[in-house]
Amino acid sequence: MIALMMAAATAFAPLAGDFDHDGRSDEARIVAHRGQYVLRVTRGADPGHPVTIWDYGKDRPRSAFVDTTRAGRFQTACGKGYYGRETGRCSRDWITLRKGDLSFGYQESSDAVAVWNGRRFDVEWMSD
């Protein structure tokens, strides 16, 4: 009983939404998988094949969050000059998000979005 309570206390809550905007419910959750903590999305369109969005490493991520976005056009971390510019690897300065796109990161630290491109989720960091 105590072990079950401890496991429940350390589990990350799932987030339901329509992250790929296909009208079906999807689920995002931070899980332990093959010795690592990862953010995985199970799409309603393909429930048998969860997709790993981000690898947090082998230590349980502290203050990690998973949420949805509001709609709008936002400057990316690269566009703000946090990284990428000096190497010419800035994928984009701005990104247009739809309400309900997937957001994740560390509270009061850094955050990213995972945007469905029709085949996969593209990750773009919004802050450092």
C-alpha atoms as a PDB file:
ATOM      1  CA  MET A   1       0.000   0.000   0.000  1.00  0.00           C
ATOM      2  CA  ILE A   2       2.759   2.439   0.938  1.00  0.00           C
ATOM      3  CA  ALA A   3       4.691   1.605  -2.250  1.00  0.00           C
ATOM      4  CA  LEU A   4       1.565   2.282  -4.297  1.00  0.00           C
ATOM      5  CA  MET A   5       1.063   5.632  -2.570  1.00  0.00           C
ATOM      6  CA  MET A   6       4.727   6.552  -3.164  1.00  0.00           C
ATOM      7  CA  ALA A   7       4.459   5.665  -6.863  1.00  0.00           C
ATOM      8  CA  ALA A   8       1.300   7.753  -7.215  1.00  0.00           C
ATOM      9  CA  ALA A   9       2.942  10.715  -5.478  1.00  0.00           C
ATOM     10  CA  THR A  10       5.877  10.698  -7.897  1.00  0.00           C
ATOM     11  CA  ALA A  11       3.860  10.081 -11.083  1.00  0.00           C
ATOM     12  CA  PHE A  12       3.331  12.864 -13.579  1.00  0.00           C
ATOM     13  CA  ALA A  13      -0.286  13.639 -14.394  1.00  0.00           C
ATOM     14  CA  PRO A  14      -1.357  13.123 -18.002  1.00  0.00           C
ATOM     15  CA  LEU A  15      -2.585  16.044 -20.088  1.00  0.00           C
ATOM     16  CA  ALA A  16      -5.414  15.454 -22.539  1.00  0.00           C
ATOM     17  CA  GLY A  17      -5.838  17.648 -25.594  1.00  0.00           C
ATOM     18  CA  ASP A  18      -5.933  17.657 -29.370  1.00  0.00           C
ATOM     19  CA  PHE A  19      -2.254  18.442 -29.947  1.00  0.00           C
ATOM     20  CA  ASP A  20      -2.290  17.451 -33.626  1.00  0.00           C
ATOM     21  CA  HIS A  21      -5.615  19.239 -34.261  1.00  0.00           C
ATOM     22  CA  ASP A  22      -7.289  16.266 -35.951  1.00  0.00           C
ATOM     23  CA  GLY A  23     -10.409  16.276 -33.779  1.00  0.00           C
ATOM     24  CA  ARG A  24      -9.324  13.231 -31.720  1.00  0.00           C
ATOM     25  CA  SER A  25      -8.193  13.277 -28.120  1.00  0.00           C
ATOM     26  CA  ASP A  26      -4.444  12.900 -27.551  1.00  0.00           C
ATOM     27  CA  GLU A  27      -2.536  12.433 -24.293  1.00  0.00           C
ATOM     28  CA  ALA A  28       0.828  13.856 -23.221  1.00  0.00           C
ATOM     29  CA  ARG A  29       2.675  12.585 -20.190  1.00  0.00           C
ATOM     30  CA  ILE A  30       6.157  12.448 -18.698  1.00  0.00           C
ATOM     31  CA  VAL A  31       6.964   8.770 -18.153  1.00  0.00           C
ATOM     32  CA  ALA A  32       9.891   6.539 -17.246  1.00  0.00           C
ATOM     33  CA  HIS A  33      10.874   4.648 -20.405  1.00  0.00           C
ATOM     34  CA  ARG A  34      13.958   2.474 -20.882  1.00  0.00           C
ATOM     35  CA  GLY A  35      15.801   4.051 -17.971  1.00  0.00           C
ATOM     36  CA  GLN A  36      15.051   7.632 -19.025  1.00  0.00           C
ATOM     37  CA  TYR A  37      12.298  10.142 -18.294  1.00  0.00           C
ATOM     38  CA  VAL A  38      10.638  11.233 -21.517  1.00  0.00           C
ATOM     39  CA  LEU A  39       7.696  13.330 -22.632  1.00  0.00           C
ATOM     40  CA  ARG A  40       5.486  11.077 -24.738  1.00  0.00           C
ATOM     41  CA  VAL A  41       2.380  11.826 -26.746  1.00  0.00           C
ATOM     42  CA  THR A  42      -0.165   9.174 -27.575  1.00  0.00           C
ATOM     43  CA  ARG A  43      -2.166  10.436 -30.530  1.00  0.00           C
ATOM     44  CA  GLY A  44      -5.814   9.473 -30.846  1.00  0.00           C
ATOM     45  CA  ALA A  45      -5.144   8.803 -34.538  1.00  0.00           C
ATOM     46  CA  ASP A  46      -2.396   6.278 -33.724  1.00  0.00           C
ATOM     47  CA  PRO A  47      -2.820   5.076 -30.110  1.00  0.00           C
ATOM     48  CA  GLY A  48      -0.576   2.048 -30.548  1.00  0.00           C
ATOM     49  CA  HIS A  49       2.491   4.140 -31.338  1.00  0.00           C
ATOM     50  CA  PRO A  50       3.289   6.763 -28.684  1.00  0.00           C
ATOM     51  CA  VAL A  51       5.798   9.385 -29.816  1.00  0.00           C
ATOM     52  CA  THR A  52       8.695  10.629 -27.685  1.00  0.00           C
ATOM     53  CA  ILE A  53       8.813  14.420 -27.838  1.00  0.00           C
ATOM     54  CA  TRP A  54      11.616  15.121 -25.377  1.00  0.00           C
ATOM     55  CA  ASP A  55      14.176  13.131 -23.378  1.00  0.00           C
ATOM     56  CA  TYR A  56      14.709  14.550 -19.871  1.00  0.00           C
ATOM     57  CA  GLY A  57      17.516  12.104 -19.024  1.00  0.00           C
ATOM     58  CA  LYS A  58      17.748   9.463 -16.337  1.00  0.00           C
ATOM     59  CA  ASP A  59      17.048  11.702 -13.333  1.00  0.00           C
ATOM     60  CA  ARG A  60      13.439  12.501 -12.517  1.00  0.00           C
ATOM     61  CA  PRO A  61      12.858  16.020 -13.858  1.00  0.00           C
ATOM     62  CA  ARG A  62      12.133  18.515 -11.093  1.00  0.00           C
ATOM     63  CA  SER A  63       9.582  21.251 -11.729  1.00  0.00           C
ATOM     64  CA  ALA A  64       8.789  19.916 -15.206  1.00  0.00           C
ATOM     65  CA  PHE A  65       5.447  20.881 -16.715  1.00  0.00           C
ATOM     66  CA  VAL A  66       3.263  19.924 -19.652  1.00  0.00           C
ATOM     67  CA  ASP A  67       0.538  22.329 -20.802  1.00  0.00           C
ATOM     68  CA  THR A  68      -1.222  23.725 -23.849  1.00  0.00           C
ATOM     69  CA  THR A  69      -0.598  27.032 -25.592  1.00  0.00           C
ATOM     70  CA  ARG A  70      -2.736  30.009 -26.386  1.00  0.00           C
ATOM     71  CA  ALA A  71      -2.978  31.086 -30.002  1.00  0.00           C
ATOM     72  CA  GLY A  72      -0.707  33.793 -31.346  1.00  0.00           C
ATOM     73  CA  ARG A  73       2.586  34.692 -32.944  1.00  0.00           C
ATOM     74  CA  PHE A  74       5.551  34.460 -30.578  1.00  0.00           C
ATOM     75  CA  GLN A  75       9.277  35.069 -30.725  1.00  0.00           C
ATOM     76  CA  THR A  76      11.373  31.931 -30.234  1.00  0.00           C
ATOM     77  CA  ALA A  77      14.378  31.613 -27.935  1.00  0.00           C
ATOM     78  CA  CYS A  78      16.620  31.764 -30.987  1.00  0.00           C
ATOM     79  CA  GLY A  79      14.850  34.891 -32.202  1.00  0.00           C
ATOM     80  CA  LYS A  80      15.462  36.458 -28.786  1.00  0.00           C
ATOM     81  CA  GLY A  81      19.173  35.722 -29.167  1.00  0.00           C
ATOM     82  CA  TYR A  82      19.461  32.980 -26.533  1.00  0.00           C
ATOM     83  CA  TYR A  83      21.259  30.571 -28.882  1.00  0.00           C
ATOM     84  CA  GLY A  84      21.649  29.566 -32.495  1.00  0.00           C
ATOM     85  CA  ARG A  85      22.383  32.945 -34.064  1.00  0.00           C
ATOM     86  CA  GLU A  86      26.137  32.694 -33.603  1.00  0.00           C
ATOM     87  CA  THR A  87      26.200  29.338 -35.410  1.00  0.00           C
ATOM     88  CA  GLY A  88      23.577  30.167 -38.015  1.00  0.00           C
ATOM     89  CA  ARG A  89      21.372  27.359 -36.709  1.00  0.00           C
ATOM     90  CA  CYS A  90      18.335  29.429 -35.869  1.00  0.00           C
ATOM     91  CA  SER A  91      15.426  27.510 -37.381  1.00  0.00           C
ATOM     92  CA  ARG A  92      13.026  30.438 -37.000  1.00  0.00           C
ATOM     93  CA  ASP A  93      12.778  33.734 -35.152  1.00  0.00           C
ATOM     94  CA  TRP A  94       8.996  33.640 -34.758  1.00  0.00           C
ATOM     95  CA  ILE A  95       6.393  30.894 -34.554  1.00  0.00           C
ATOM     96  CA  THR A  96       2.629  30.985 -34.974  1.00  0.00           C
ATOM     97  CA  LEU A  97       0.863  28.754 -32.467  1.00  0.00           C
ATOM     98  CA  ARG A  98      -2.672  27.472 -32.454  1.00  0.00           C
ATOM     99  CA  LYS A  99      -4.682  27.250 -29.268  1.00  0.00           C
ATOM    100  CA  GLY A 100      -4.030  23.817 -27.806  1.00  0.00           C
ATOM    101  CA  ASP A 101      -0.538  23.195 -29.197  1.00  0.00           C
ATOM    102  CA  LEU A 102       1.654  21.306 -26.729  1.00  0.00           C
ATOM    103  CA  SER A 103       3.943  23.248 -24.381  1.00  0.00           C
ATOM    104  CA  PHE A 104       6.500  21.759 -21.986  1.00  0.00           C
ATOM    105  CA  GLY A 105       9.597  22.642 -20.022  1.00  0.00           C
ATOM    106  CA  TYR A 106      10.657  23.589 -16.524  1.00  0.00           C
ATOM    107  CA  GLN A 107       8.615  25.984 -14.397  1.00  0.00           C
ATOM    108  CA  GLU A 108      10.223  29.423 -14.077  1.00  0.00           C
ATOM    109  CA  SER A 109      13.131  28.303 -16.245  1.00  0.00           C
ATOM    110  CA  SER A 110      12.705  27.241 -19.866  1.00  0.00           C
ATOM    111  CA  ASP A 111       9.854  26.230 -22.094  1.00  0.00           C
ATOM    112  CA  ALA A 112       9.300  24.776 -25.536  1.00  0.00           C
ATOM    113  CA  VAL A 113       6.431  23.960 -27.849  1.00  0.00           C
ATOM    114  CA  ALA A 114       5.833  20.803 -29.864  1.00  0.00           C
ATOM    115  CA  VAL A 115       3.904  21.643 -33.029  1.00  0.00           C
ATOM    116  CA  TRP A 116       2.406  18.967 -35.278  1.00  0.00           C
ATOM    117  CA  ASN A 117       3.558  19.399 -38.887  1.00  0.00           C
ATOM    118  CA  GLY A 118       1.310  16.704 -40.376  1.00  0.00           C
ATOM    119  CA  ARG A 119       3.820  13.884 -39.875  1.00  0.00           C
ATOM    120  CA  ARG A 120       5.596  14.553 -36.588  1.00  0.00           C
ATOM    121  CA  PHE A 121       5.939  17.043 -33.741  1.00  0.00           C
ATOM    122  CA  ASP A 122       8.558  19.767 -34.284  1.00  0.00           C
ATOM    123  CA  VAL A 123      10.089  21.138 -31.069  1.00  0.00           C
ATOM    124  CA  GLU A 124      10.909  24.826 -30.814  1.00  0.00           C
ATOM    125  CA  TRP A 125      12.376  26.382 -27.665  1.00  0.00           C
ATOM    126  CA  MET A 126      10.657  29.575 -26.573  1.00  0.00           C
ATOM    127  CA  SER A 127      12.910  30.584 -23.676  1.00  0.00           C
ATOM    128  CA  ASP A 128      16.261  29.621 -22.267  1.00  0.00           C
END
